[in-house]
């Protein structure tokens, strides 16, 4: 099983084939069983900003999970 940590603030990530920088990472405070996710998963809320010339100023908020 591969372990993937939540991205850190300031980290460059790729979502939907576009580069984004992580602005805010809000880690879930709920226990895994309460979220009914796959074993060992934790949900996180990420706020991202586009770093592409054509998308500067665009914001993306997404909910994800790590294992």
N, C-alpha and C. Protein backbone atom coordinates (compact mmCIF):
# COMPACT_ATOMS: atom_id res chain seq x y z
N UNK A 1 0.85 -1.19 0.00
CA UNK A 1 0.00 0.00 0.00
C UNK A 1 0.88 1.23 0.00
N UNK A 2 0.61 2.17 -0.87
CA UNK A 2 1.36 3.41 -0.98
C UNK A 2 0.78 4.45 -0.03
N UNK A 3 1.67 5.18 0.66
CA UNK A 3 1.23 6.25 1.55
C UNK A 3 1.44 7.58 0.86
N UNK A 4 0.40 8.39 0.82
CA UNK A 4 0.48 9.71 0.21
C UNK A 4 0.10 10.74 1.26
N UNK A 5 0.99 11.66 1.53
CA UNK A 5 0.72 12.70 2.52
C UNK A 5 -0.03 13.86 1.85
N UNK A 6 -0.73 14.63 2.66
CA UNK A 6 -1.40 15.82 2.15
C UNK A 6 -0.35 16.81 1.69
N UNK A 7 -0.61 17.55 0.60
CA UNK A 7 0.35 18.56 0.16
C UNK A 7 0.52 19.64 1.21
N UNK A 8 1.65 20.31 1.19
CA UNK A 8 1.94 21.38 2.14
C UNK A 8 1.70 22.73 1.49
N UNK A 9 1.47 23.73 2.33
CA UNK A 9 1.27 25.09 1.84
C UNK A 9 2.51 25.52 1.06
N UNK A 10 2.31 26.11 -0.13
CA UNK A 10 3.40 26.55 -0.96
C UNK A 10 3.89 25.51 -1.96
N UNK A 11 3.42 24.28 -1.82
CA UNK A 11 3.86 23.21 -2.70
C UNK A 11 3.19 23.35 -4.06
N UNK A 12 3.94 23.04 -5.12
CA UNK A 12 3.41 23.05 -6.47
C UNK A 12 2.80 21.68 -6.76
N UNK A 13 1.55 21.66 -7.22
CA UNK A 13 0.86 20.40 -7.51
C UNK A 13 0.25 20.49 -8.91
N UNK A 14 -0.12 19.34 -9.46
CA UNK A 14 -0.76 19.30 -10.76
C UNK A 14 -2.16 18.71 -10.60
N UNK A 15 -3.17 19.48 -11.03
CA UNK A 15 -4.56 19.05 -10.96
C UNK A 15 -5.20 19.36 -12.31
N UNK A 16 -5.87 18.38 -12.87
CA UNK A 16 -6.52 18.56 -14.18
C UNK A 16 -5.52 19.01 -15.23
N UNK A 17 -4.32 18.45 -15.17
CA UNK A 17 -3.24 18.73 -16.13
C UNK A 17 -2.79 20.19 -16.12
N UNK A 18 -2.99 20.87 -15.00
CA UNK A 18 -2.55 22.26 -14.87
C UNK A 18 -1.78 22.42 -13.57
N UNK A 19 -0.77 23.32 -13.55
CA UNK A 19 -0.01 23.56 -12.33
C UNK A 19 -0.73 24.53 -11.39
N UNK A 20 -0.71 24.18 -10.10
CA UNK A 20 -1.34 24.99 -9.06
C UNK A 20 -0.39 25.07 -7.87
N UNK A 21 -0.50 26.12 -7.08
CA UNK A 21 0.24 26.21 -5.83
C UNK A 21 -0.77 26.07 -4.70
N UNK A 22 -0.39 25.34 -3.66
CA UNK A 22 -1.27 25.11 -2.52
C UNK A 22 -1.24 26.33 -1.61
N UNK A 23 -2.40 26.93 -1.38
CA UNK A 23 -2.50 28.09 -0.48
C UNK A 23 -2.85 27.68 0.94
N UNK A 24 -3.86 26.82 1.06
CA UNK A 24 -4.36 26.42 2.38
C UNK A 24 -4.60 24.92 2.38
N UNK A 25 -4.17 24.27 3.46
CA UNK A 25 -4.47 22.86 3.68
C UNK A 25 -5.18 22.76 5.02
N UNK A 26 -6.43 22.31 4.98
CA UNK A 26 -7.18 22.13 6.22
C UNK A 26 -7.36 20.63 6.42
N UNK A 27 -6.63 20.08 7.38
CA UNK A 27 -6.70 18.66 7.66
C UNK A 27 -7.98 18.34 8.42
N UNK A 28 -8.56 17.22 8.10
CA UNK A 28 -9.78 16.79 8.78
C UNK A 28 -9.48 16.45 10.23
N UNK A 29 -10.41 16.78 11.08
CA UNK A 29 -10.27 16.42 12.50
C UNK A 29 -11.17 15.24 12.86
N UNK A 30 -11.91 14.73 11.87
CA UNK A 30 -12.79 13.59 12.11
C UNK A 30 -12.00 12.29 12.06
N UNK A 31 -12.37 11.33 12.88
CA UNK A 31 -11.72 10.02 12.80
C UNK A 31 -12.15 9.31 11.51
N UNK A 32 -11.29 8.48 10.98
CA UNK A 32 -11.56 7.79 9.72
C UNK A 32 -12.91 7.07 9.70
N UNK A 33 -13.29 6.32 10.74
CA UNK A 33 -14.59 5.62 10.67
C UNK A 33 -15.78 6.56 10.50
N UNK A 34 -15.69 7.77 11.01
CA UNK A 34 -16.80 8.72 10.90
C UNK A 34 -16.99 9.19 9.47
N UNK A 35 -15.94 9.11 8.66
CA UNK A 35 -16.02 9.58 7.28
C UNK A 35 -16.39 8.47 6.30
N UNK A 36 -16.41 7.21 6.76
CA UNK A 36 -16.77 6.06 5.93
C UNK A 36 -15.97 6.02 4.64
N UNK A 37 -14.67 6.18 4.75
CA UNK A 37 -13.77 6.11 3.61
C UNK A 37 -12.99 4.81 3.63
N UNK A 38 -12.25 4.53 2.57
CA UNK A 38 -11.40 3.34 2.59
C UNK A 38 -10.48 3.34 3.81
N UNK A 39 -10.11 2.17 4.24
CA UNK A 39 -9.28 2.02 5.44
C UNK A 39 -8.05 2.91 5.37
N UNK A 40 -7.81 3.65 6.44
CA UNK A 40 -6.62 4.49 6.55
C UNK A 40 -6.69 5.80 5.82
N UNK A 41 -7.84 6.19 5.31
CA UNK A 41 -7.95 7.43 4.55
C UNK A 41 -8.37 8.59 5.43
N UNK A 42 -7.94 9.77 5.07
CA UNK A 42 -8.30 10.98 5.80
C UNK A 42 -8.63 12.05 4.78
N UNK A 43 -9.74 12.76 4.96
CA UNK A 43 -10.12 13.82 4.03
C UNK A 43 -9.42 15.11 4.41
N UNK A 44 -9.10 15.90 3.38
CA UNK A 44 -8.48 17.20 3.57
C UNK A 44 -9.13 18.18 2.61
N UNK A 45 -9.20 19.44 3.00
CA UNK A 45 -9.72 20.50 2.14
C UNK A 45 -8.55 21.34 1.68
N UNK A 46 -8.39 21.47 0.36
CA UNK A 46 -7.27 22.21 -0.20
C UNK A 46 -7.77 23.42 -0.97
N UNK A 47 -7.09 24.55 -0.81
CA UNK A 47 -7.34 25.73 -1.61
C UNK A 47 -6.11 25.96 -2.47
N UNK A 48 -6.31 25.99 -3.79
CA UNK A 48 -5.20 26.10 -4.74
C UNK A 48 -5.35 27.36 -5.58
N UNK A 49 -4.21 27.90 -6.05
CA UNK A 49 -4.19 29.04 -6.97
C UNK A 49 -3.42 28.65 -8.21
N UNK A 50 -3.95 29.01 -9.37
CA UNK A 50 -3.30 28.69 -10.63
C UNK A 50 -2.01 29.48 -10.78
N UNK A 51 -1.01 28.85 -11.37
CA UNK A 51 0.26 29.55 -11.64
C UNK A 51 0.51 29.65 -13.15
N UNK A 52 -0.48 29.30 -13.96
CA UNK A 52 -0.37 29.44 -15.41
C UNK A 52 -0.61 30.89 -15.80
N UNK A 53 0.05 31.33 -16.86
CA UNK A 53 -0.13 32.69 -17.35
C UNK A 53 -1.59 32.97 -17.69
N UNK A 54 -2.25 32.00 -18.33
CA UNK A 54 -3.64 32.18 -18.74
C UNK A 54 -4.63 32.05 -17.59
N UNK A 55 -4.17 31.53 -16.44
CA UNK A 55 -5.09 31.28 -15.34
C UNK A 55 -4.74 31.98 -14.05
N UNK A 56 -3.84 32.97 -14.11
CA UNK A 56 -3.45 33.67 -12.88
C UNK A 56 -4.68 34.24 -12.18
N UNK A 57 -4.76 34.03 -10.91
CA UNK A 57 -5.88 34.53 -10.12
C UNK A 57 -7.00 33.52 -9.95
N UNK A 58 -6.98 32.44 -10.75
CA UNK A 58 -8.00 31.40 -10.60
C UNK A 58 -7.77 30.63 -9.32
N UNK A 59 -8.85 30.28 -8.66
CA UNK A 59 -8.79 29.56 -7.40
C UNK A 59 -9.55 28.25 -7.55
N UNK A 60 -9.04 27.21 -6.92
CA UNK A 60 -9.68 25.91 -6.95
C UNK A 60 -9.73 25.37 -5.53
N UNK A 61 -10.90 24.98 -5.09
CA UNK A 61 -11.06 24.39 -3.76
C UNK A 61 -11.50 22.95 -3.97
N UNK A 62 -10.76 22.03 -3.39
CA UNK A 62 -11.13 20.64 -3.56
C UNK A 62 -10.97 19.85 -2.30
N UNK A 63 -11.76 18.80 -2.22
CA UNK A 63 -11.72 17.89 -1.09
C UNK A 63 -11.04 16.63 -1.58
N UNK A 64 -10.06 16.18 -0.85
CA UNK A 64 -9.35 14.98 -1.25
C UNK A 64 -9.10 14.10 -0.04
N UNK A 65 -8.46 12.98 -0.30
CA UNK A 65 -8.10 12.13 0.82
C UNK A 65 -6.73 11.55 0.59
N UNK A 66 -6.07 11.23 1.68
CA UNK A 66 -4.76 10.60 1.62
C UNK A 66 -4.86 9.24 2.28
N UNK A 67 -3.93 8.40 1.95
CA UNK A 67 -3.91 7.08 2.57
C UNK A 67 -2.73 6.97 3.49
